[in-house]
């Protein structure tokens, strides 16, 4: 394993070598083959080990570190909301990067507080959620993050549709709370149904990119959409145009 540098430093060491001893897990009487495979993968995953070493709550923290290294989303002073934040790995990274600016970790599940962040246990689909979030942030968000994923069923099409429903809901919320010029980052699964969301993002943002950070597992169909330069929703722009014509 290469020697990592601290997060936030130049070349933050968020890309890790997979070299090292491989641990094999035998299937015990009370352990299924699938659980043995999961445990073996965890034990041999350099990101799992490094997350524990650095105090991150999940290996997913490295995905955000890598996305930020590439797209420079989390700058000092940036106000951030992390949707579906539990267990809090992305929230931890956001706090490190924005250096004292407000970060809200929002989840319908309870989550242990992240030092330096505001933790809100609520359903972001509720009508009052956008206003409550902006009140907690002290204004609109500069970045909305979503690493949400529904529990997998083993049926690829079903899993794809479920995560796309979460991504659609996350953007509907983001459109209500983002400041002009803001950014939206969300997890997607490749499978075709994401086209309608991508078309919407391309209308509402200046730039829309796809990314698969190195910390994403090679056998996973997950990818991330990174939309920057929020211009307002299509409906808002149409309304503004109509008002101007009157």
Foldseek 3Di string as FASTA:
>chain_A
DDDAAPQPDQRRRLDDDLDDDQDQFDADPPRDPVRRVVVSCLVSQVLNVVCVVVVAPDSCLSVVSQVCNVVVAQAAQFEEEEEQQPQPRVVQSSQVHNPQQEYEYEECDDYDDDPSYHYYNDDCLDPCNQVVVCVRRVAAGQEYEYADADDDDPDVVVRQVRQLVVVVSSVVSNLSRHDAFGKYKYKHFDDPPCVVVVVQLVVFAVDKDKADGPSHDPPGRIIMIIGGRGDHGPVVVVVVVVVVVD
